[in-house]
């Protein structure tokens, strides 16, 4: 038997948040076992381990980021995923790209598929922004840091993608020359990037 009070509270919360985590129920004093019953009754849809949303709720473009951030809060979204988030690429990544500290094991997530890059020191900590996706706080590199990362990891994503991102970031003024240069030095790709930055600046 579903308690109407608990059910309504949970539905209201799911409507407000978009994505509902099992741990969110603690704040409203509802037992987590109700989630299983509501899912069986068709009132909620399970989209991942411990993650639910309303049936028929429109999956947003960045729902996969919210799913990963809920499971791996320390992950920072990077490279193709960050480019897509900032509108700096025409690529549609098949995997969600995340950066983790050097020595980390790849998180075990059934969905969505992820691709992990290890970063150390300043290269990992610099340029992290926080955004809300489906009510979940996600950590993602800034446009300038993402462009620099693309040059750093050009063997993984292709130099053409890095160049496209640099041109778009420059044209839309999402990244300043100062920011690009600072991150290029932090990530030790200043020598690689210098000719491309000069070419874009004189275009």
C-alpha atoms as a PDB file:
ATOM      1  CA  UNK A   1       0.000   0.000   0.000  1.00  0.00           C
ATOM      2  CA  UNK A   2       1.393   3.393  -1.008  1.00  0.00           C
ATOM      3  CA  UNK A   3       1.005   6.241   1.455  1.00  0.00           C
ATOM      4  CA  UNK A   4      -0.667   9.121  -0.366  1.00  0.00           C
ATOM      5  CA  UNK A   5       1.262  11.709   1.634  1.00  0.00           C
ATOM      6  CA  UNK A   6       4.663  10.189   0.865  1.00  0.00           C
ATOM      7  CA  UNK A   7       3.704   9.512  -2.759  1.00  0.00           C
ATOM      8  CA  UNK A   8       2.619  13.097  -3.355  1.00  0.00           C
ATOM      9  CA  UNK A   9       5.746  14.491  -1.684  1.00  0.00           C
ATOM     10  CA  UNK A  10       7.959  12.325  -3.866  1.00  0.00           C
ATOM     11  CA  UNK A  11       6.054  13.227  -7.061  1.00  0.00           C
ATOM     12  CA  UNK A  12       6.326  16.929  -6.196  1.00  0.00           C
ATOM     13  CA  UNK A  13      10.067  16.561  -5.607  1.00  0.00           C
ATOM     14  CA  UNK A  14      10.554  14.630  -8.877  1.00  0.00           C
ATOM     15  CA  UNK A  15       8.635  17.325 -10.733  1.00  0.00           C
ATOM     16  CA  UNK A  16      10.763  20.053  -9.162  1.00  0.00           C
ATOM     17  CA  UNK A  17      14.160  18.330  -9.603  1.00  0.00           C
ATOM     18  CA  UNK A  18      13.772  16.517 -12.917  1.00  0.00           C
ATOM     19  CA  UNK A  19      16.046  13.731 -11.704  1.00  0.00           C
ATOM     20  CA  UNK A  20      15.337  12.257  -8.309  1.00  0.00           C
ATOM     21  CA  UNK A  21      18.039  10.543  -6.244  1.00  0.00           C
ATOM     22  CA  UNK A  22      17.163   7.972  -3.606  1.00  0.00           C
ATOM     23  CA  UNK A  23      19.083  10.102  -1.078  1.00  0.00           C
ATOM     24  CA  UNK A  24      16.764  13.085  -1.821  1.00  0.00           C
ATOM     25  CA  UNK A  25      13.995  11.294   0.100  1.00  0.00           C
ATOM     26  CA  UNK A  26      15.859  11.748   3.396  1.00  0.00           C
ATOM     27  CA  UNK A  27      15.175  15.504   3.275  1.00  0.00           C
ATOM     28  CA  UNK A  28      11.393  14.980   3.057  1.00  0.00           C
ATOM     29  CA  UNK A  29      11.264  12.121   5.569  1.00  0.00           C
ATOM     30  CA  UNK A  30      10.061   9.477   3.111  1.00  0.00           C
ATOM     31  CA  UNK A  31      11.412   5.902   3.235  1.00  0.00           C
ATOM     32  CA  UNK A  32      13.424   4.890   0.161  1.00  0.00           C
ATOM     33  CA  UNK A  33      11.514   1.618  -0.236  1.00  0.00           C
ATOM     34  CA  UNK A  34       8.595   3.662  -1.596  1.00  0.00           C
ATOM     35  CA  UNK A  35      10.629   4.352  -4.757  1.00  0.00           C
ATOM     36  CA  UNK A  36      10.504   0.655  -5.673  1.00  0.00           C
ATOM     37  CA  UNK A  37       6.744   0.541  -5.121  1.00  0.00           C
ATOM     38  CA  UNK A  38       6.153   3.746  -7.111  1.00  0.00           C
ATOM     39  CA  UNK A  39       8.269   2.377  -9.972  1.00  0.00           C
ATOM     40  CA  UNK A  40       6.282  -0.882  -9.965  1.00  0.00           C
ATOM     41  CA  UNK A  41       3.060   1.161 -10.005  1.00  0.00           C
ATOM     42  CA  UNK A  42       4.293   3.157 -13.023  1.00  0.00           C
ATOM     43  CA  UNK A  43       4.462   6.453 -11.112  1.00  0.00           C
ATOM     44  CA  UNK A  44       8.244   6.736 -11.558  1.00  0.00           C
ATOM     45  CA  UNK A  45      10.792   5.469 -14.090  1.00  0.00           C
ATOM     46  CA  UNK A  46      14.190   4.179 -12.940  1.00  0.00           C
ATOM     47  CA  UNK A  47      16.887   5.674 -15.204  1.00  0.00           C
ATOM     48  CA  UNK A  48      19.978   4.425 -13.347  1.00  0.00           C
ATOM     49  CA  UNK A  49      20.992   2.960 -10.011  1.00  0.00           C
ATOM     50  CA  UNK A  50      19.318   5.117  -7.365  1.00  0.00           C
ATOM     51  CA  UNK A  51      18.010   7.584  -9.996  1.00  0.00           C
ATOM     52  CA  UNK A  52      14.396   8.149 -10.982  1.00  0.00           C
ATOM     53  CA  UNK A  53      12.235  10.543 -12.978  1.00  0.00           C
ATOM     54  CA  UNK A  54       8.582  10.996 -13.847  1.00  0.00           C
ATOM     55  CA  UNK A  55       7.272   8.829 -16.709  1.00  0.00           C
ATOM     56  CA  UNK A  56       7.003  10.854 -19.901  1.00  0.00           C
ATOM     57  CA  UNK A  57       9.340  13.549 -18.540  1.00  0.00           C
ATOM     58  CA  UNK A  58      11.422  14.893 -21.404  1.00  0.00           C
ATOM     59  CA  UNK A  59      15.022  13.736 -21.160  1.00  0.00           C
ATOM     60  CA  UNK A  60      17.128  16.867 -21.483  1.00  0.00           C
ATOM     61  CA  UNK A  61      20.222  17.113 -23.647  1.00  0.00           C
ATOM     62  CA  UNK A  62      22.428  17.001 -20.571  1.00  0.00           C
ATOM     63  CA  UNK A  63      20.630  14.346 -18.524  1.00  0.00           C
ATOM     64  CA  UNK A  64      23.604  12.022 -19.006  1.00  0.00           C
ATOM     65  CA  UNK A  65      25.821  14.577 -17.199  1.00  0.00           C
ATOM     66  CA  UNK A  66      23.436  14.620 -14.247  1.00  0.00           C
ATOM     67  CA  UNK A  67      23.428  10.805 -14.170  1.00  0.00           C
ATOM     68  CA  UNK A  68      27.242  10.628 -14.104  1.00  0.00           C
ATOM     69  CA  UNK A  69      27.626  13.492 -11.593  1.00  0.00           C
ATOM     70  CA  UNK A  70      25.222  11.773  -9.211  1.00  0.00           C
ATOM     71  CA  UNK A  71      27.226   8.542  -9.314  1.00  0.00           C
ATOM     72  CA  UNK A  72      30.715  10.121  -9.517  1.00  0.00           C
ATOM     73  CA  UNK A  73      30.552  13.571  -7.831  1.00  0.00           C
ATOM     74  CA  UNK A  74      34.336  14.094  -8.100  1.00  0.00           C
ATOM     75  CA  UNK A  75      34.297  13.752 -11.919  1.00  0.00           C
ATOM     76  CA  UNK A  76      34.936  16.875 -14.019  1.00  0.00           C
ATOM     77  CA  UNK A  77      33.363  16.825 -17.485  1.00  0.00           C
ATOM     78  CA  UNK A  78      35.980  17.503 -20.141  1.00  0.00           C
ATOM     79  CA  UNK A  79      37.016  17.372 -23.806  1.00  0.00           C
ATOM     80  CA  UNK A  80      34.176  16.505 -26.233  1.00  0.00           C
ATOM     81  CA  UNK A  81      31.505  16.543 -23.511  1.00  0.00           C
ATOM     82  CA  UNK A  82      32.607  19.986 -22.271  1.00  0.00           C
ATOM     83  CA  UNK A  83      32.861  21.265 -25.866  1.00  0.00           C
ATOM     84  CA  UNK A  84      29.288  20.149 -26.518  1.00  0.00           C
ATOM     85  CA  UNK A  85      28.080  21.742 -23.271  1.00  0.00           C
ATOM     86  CA  UNK A  86      29.689  25.080 -24.187  1.00  0.00           C
ATOM     87  CA  UNK A  87      28.510  24.921 -27.828  1.00  0.00           C
ATOM     88  CA  UNK A  88      32.045  24.743 -29.225  1.00  0.00           C
ATOM     89  CA  UNK A  89      31.805  21.684 -31.472  1.00  0.00           C
ATOM     90  CA  UNK A  90      29.672  20.043 -34.138  1.00  0.00           C
ATOM     91  CA  UNK A  91      30.756  16.621 -32.803  1.00  0.00           C
ATOM     92  CA  UNK A  92      28.215  14.469 -30.963  1.00  0.00           C
ATOM     93  CA  UNK A  93      30.245  12.381 -28.516  1.00  0.00           C
ATOM     94  CA  UNK A  94      29.170   8.755 -28.149  1.00  0.00           C
ATOM     95  CA  UNK A  95      30.599   8.692 -24.627  1.00  0.00           C
ATOM     96  CA  UNK A  96      30.592  11.087 -21.694  1.00  0.00           C
ATOM     97  CA  UNK A  97      34.171  12.333 -21.189  1.00  0.00           C
ATOM     98  CA  UNK A  98      35.281  12.834 -17.594  1.00  0.00           C
ATOM     99  CA  UNK A  99      38.575  13.856 -15.977  1.00  0.00           C
ATOM    100  CA  UNK A 100      39.681  12.181 -12.764  1.00  0.00           C
ATOM    101  CA  UNK A 101      42.828  12.611 -10.627  1.00  0.00           C
ATOM    102  CA  UNK A 102      45.843  10.578 -11.739  1.00  0.00           C
ATOM    103  CA  UNK A 103      45.739   7.055 -10.313  1.00  0.00           C
ATOM    104  CA  UNK A 104      41.912   6.875 -10.266  1.00  0.00           C
ATOM    105  CA  UNK A 105      40.122   3.748 -11.414  1.00  0.00           C
ATOM    106  CA  UNK A 106      37.489   4.130 -14.109  1.00  0.00           C
ATOM    107  CA  UNK A 107      34.062   4.366 -12.390  1.00  0.00           C
ATOM    108  CA  UNK A 108      31.787   1.381 -12.917  1.00  0.00           C
ATOM    109  CA  UNK A 109      28.623   2.799 -14.423  1.00  0.00           C
ATOM    110  CA  UNK A 110      26.167   0.797 -16.505  1.00  0.00           C
ATOM    111  CA  UNK A 111      24.783   3.901 -18.257  1.00  0.00           C
ATOM    112  CA  UNK A 112      25.746   6.241 -19.877  1.00  0.00           C
ATOM    113  CA  UNK A 113      29.030   5.015 -21.432  1.00  0.00           C
ATOM    114  CA  UNK A 114      31.965   7.033 -20.095  1.00  0.00           C
ATOM    115  CA  UNK A 115      35.515   7.718 -21.209  1.00  0.00           C
ATOM    116  CA  UNK A 116      37.935   8.687 -18.457  1.00  0.00           C
ATOM    117  CA  UNK A 117      41.043  10.847 -18.828  1.00  0.00           C
ATOM    118  CA  UNK A 118      43.509  11.111 -15.945  1.00  0.00           C
ATOM    119  CA  UNK A 119      44.895  14.544 -15.095  1.00  0.00           C
ATOM    120  CA  UNK A 120      47.389  15.581 -12.445  1.00  0.00           C
ATOM    121  CA  UNK A 121      47.893  18.672 -10.270  1.00  0.00           C
ATOM    122  CA  UNK A 122      46.974  22.038 -11.775  1.00  0.00           C
ATOM    123  CA  UNK A 123      45.888  20.465 -15.047  1.00  0.00           C
ATOM    124  CA  UNK A 124      43.131  18.689 -13.115  1.00  0.00           C
ATOM    125  CA  UNK A 125      42.122  21.478 -10.729  1.00  0.00           C
ATOM    126  CA  UNK A 126      42.265  24.540 -13.002  1.00  0.00           C
ATOM    127  CA  UNK A 127      39.237  26.025 -14.742  1.00  0.00           C
ATOM    128  CA  UNK A 128      36.506  23.985 -13.029  1.00  0.00           C
ATOM    129  CA  UNK A 129      33.028  25.547 -13.205  1.00  0.00           C
ATOM    130  CA  UNK A 130      29.846  24.360 -11.494  1.00  0.00           C
ATOM    131  CA  UNK A 131      26.512  24.212 -13.326  1.00  0.00           C
ATOM    132  CA  UNK A 132      23.080  22.766 -12.595  1.00  0.00           C
ATOM    133  CA  UNK A 133      21.787  20.018 -14.888  1.00  0.00           C
ATOM    134  CA  UNK A 134      18.389  18.497 -14.052  1.00  0.00           C
ATOM    135  CA  UNK A 135      18.757  19.817 -10.516  1.00  0.00           C
ATOM    136  CA  UNK A 136      22.141  18.106 -10.064  1.00  0.00           C
ATOM    137  CA  UNK A 137      25.356  20.092  -9.540  1.00  0.00           C
ATOM    138  CA  UNK A 138      27.888  19.151 -12.227  1.00  0.00           C
ATOM    139  CA  UNK A 139      31.563  20.121 -12.465  1.00  0.00           C
ATOM    140  CA  UNK A 140      32.778  21.025 -15.937  1.00  0.00           C
ATOM    141  CA  UNK A 141      35.854  22.730 -17.339  1.00  0.00           C
ATOM    142  CA  UNK A 142      35.505  26.313 -18.606  1.00  0.00           C
ATOM    143  CA  UNK A 143      35.588  26.969 -22.369  1.00  0.00           C
ATOM    144  CA  UNK A 144      39.236  28.169 -22.277  1.00  0.00           C
ATOM    145  CA  UNK A 145      40.446  25.193 -20.201  1.00  0.00           C
ATOM    146  CA  UNK A 146      38.497  22.789 -22.457  1.00  0.00           C
ATOM    147  CA  UNK A 147      40.121  24.184 -25.617  1.00  0.00           C
ATOM    148  CA  UNK A 148      43.562  23.771 -24.060  1.00  0.00           C
ATOM    149  CA  UNK A 149      42.723  20.216 -22.962  1.00  0.00           C
ATOM    150  CA  UNK A 150      41.773  19.432 -26.568  1.00  0.00           C
ATOM    151  CA  UNK A 151      45.301  20.360 -27.697  1.00  0.00           C
ATOM    152  CA  UNK A 152      46.799  18.411 -24.792  1.00  0.00           C
ATOM    153  CA  UNK A 153      44.792  15.299 -25.742  1.00  0.00           C
ATOM    154  CA  UNK A 154      44.763  15.877 -29.521  1.00  0.00           C
ATOM    155  CA  UNK A 155      45.925  12.298 -30.104  1.00  0.00           C
ATOM    156  CA  UNK A 156      42.644  11.104 -28.505  1.00  0.00           C
ATOM    157  CA  UNK A 157      40.163  13.466 -30.156  1.00  0.00           C
ATOM    158  CA  UNK A 158      41.988  14.781 -33.257  1.00  0.00           C
ATOM    159  CA  UNK A 159      43.787  18.048 -33.985  1.00  0.00           C
ATOM    160  CA  UNK A 160      40.922  19.129 -36.288  1.00  0.00           C
ATOM    161  CA  UNK A 161      38.511  19.087 -33.313  1.00  0.00           C
ATOM    162  CA  UNK A 162      40.950  21.133 -31.192  1.00  0.00           C
ATOM    163  CA  UNK A 163      41.345  23.710 -33.991  1.00  0.00           C
ATOM    164  CA  UNK A 164      37.589  23.981 -34.533  1.00  0.00           C
ATOM    165  CA  UNK A 165      37.110  24.526 -30.788  1.00  0.00           C
ATOM    166  CA  UNK A 166      39.832  27.204 -30.670  1.00  0.00           C
ATOM    167  CA  UNK A 167      38.321  29.101 -33.626  1.00  0.00           C
ATOM    168  CA  UNK A 168      34.776  28.891 -32.215  1.00  0.00           C
ATOM    169  CA  UNK A 169      35.853  29.947 -28.710  1.00  0.00           C
ATOM    170  CA  UNK A 170      37.761  32.907 -30.177  1.00  0.00           C
ATOM    171  CA  UNK A 171      34.962  33.941 -32.558  1.00  0.00           C
ATOM    172  CA  UNK A 172      32.244  33.769 -29.883  1.00  0.00           C
ATOM    173  CA  UNK A 173      34.537  35.346 -27.262  1.00  0.00           C
ATOM    174  CA  UNK A 174      33.922  32.471 -24.865  1.00  0.00           C
ATOM    175  CA  UNK A 175      37.660  32.288 -24.182  1.00  0.00           C
ATOM    176  CA  UNK A 176      40.123  35.172 -23.895  1.00  0.00           C
ATOM    177  CA  UNK A 177      43.740  35.028 -25.100  1.00  0.00           C
ATOM    178  CA  UNK A 178      44.920  35.508 -21.490  1.00  0.00           C
ATOM    179  CA  UNK A 179      42.879  32.566 -20.189  1.00  0.00           C
ATOM    180  CA  UNK A 180      43.940  30.317 -23.071  1.00  0.00           C
ATOM    181  CA  UNK A 181      47.593  31.181 -22.539  1.00  0.00           C
ATOM    182  CA  UNK A 182      47.432  30.663 -18.759  1.00  0.00           C
ATOM    183  CA  UNK A 183      45.864  27.209 -19.094  1.00  0.00           C
ATOM    184  CA  UNK A 184      48.230  26.330 -21.942  1.00  0.00           C
ATOM    185  CA  UNK A 185      51.120  26.954 -19.555  1.00  0.00           C
ATOM    186  CA  UNK A 186      49.439  25.030 -16.707  1.00  0.00           C
ATOM    187  CA  UNK A 187      48.906  22.054 -19.032  1.00  0.00           C
ATOM    188  CA  UNK A 188      52.326  22.385 -20.716  1.00  0.00           C
ATOM    189  CA  UNK A 189      51.059  22.847 -24.261  1.00  0.00           C
ATOM    190  CA  UNK A 190      52.011  26.513 -24.740  1.00  0.00           C
ATOM    191  CA  UNK A 191      54.619  25.660 -27.413  1.00  0.00           C
ATOM    192  CA  UNK A 192      52.131  23.499 -29.316  1.00  0.00           C
ATOM    193  CA  UNK A 193      49.351  26.105 -29.170  1.00  0.00           C
ATOM    194  CA  UNK A 194      51.355  29.279 -29.860  1.00  0.00           C
ATOM    195  CA  UNK A 195      51.276  29.129 -33.708  1.00  0.00           C
ATOM    196  CA  UNK A 196      47.557  28.268 -33.765  1.00  0.00           C
ATOM    197  CA  UNK A 197      46.700  31.071 -31.344  1.00  0.00           C
ATOM    198  CA  UNK A 198      48.719  33.558 -33.419  1.00  0.00           C
ATOM    199  CA  UNK A 199      46.977  32.411 -36.600  1.00  0.00           C
ATOM    200  CA  UNK A 200      43.506  32.763 -35.045  1.00  0.00           C
ATOM    201  CA  UNK A 201      44.347  36.193 -33.592  1.00  0.00           C
ATOM    202  CA  UNK A 202      45.412  37.478 -37.043  1.00  0.00           C
ATOM    203  CA  UNK A 203      42.525  35.873 -38.927  1.00  0.00           C
END
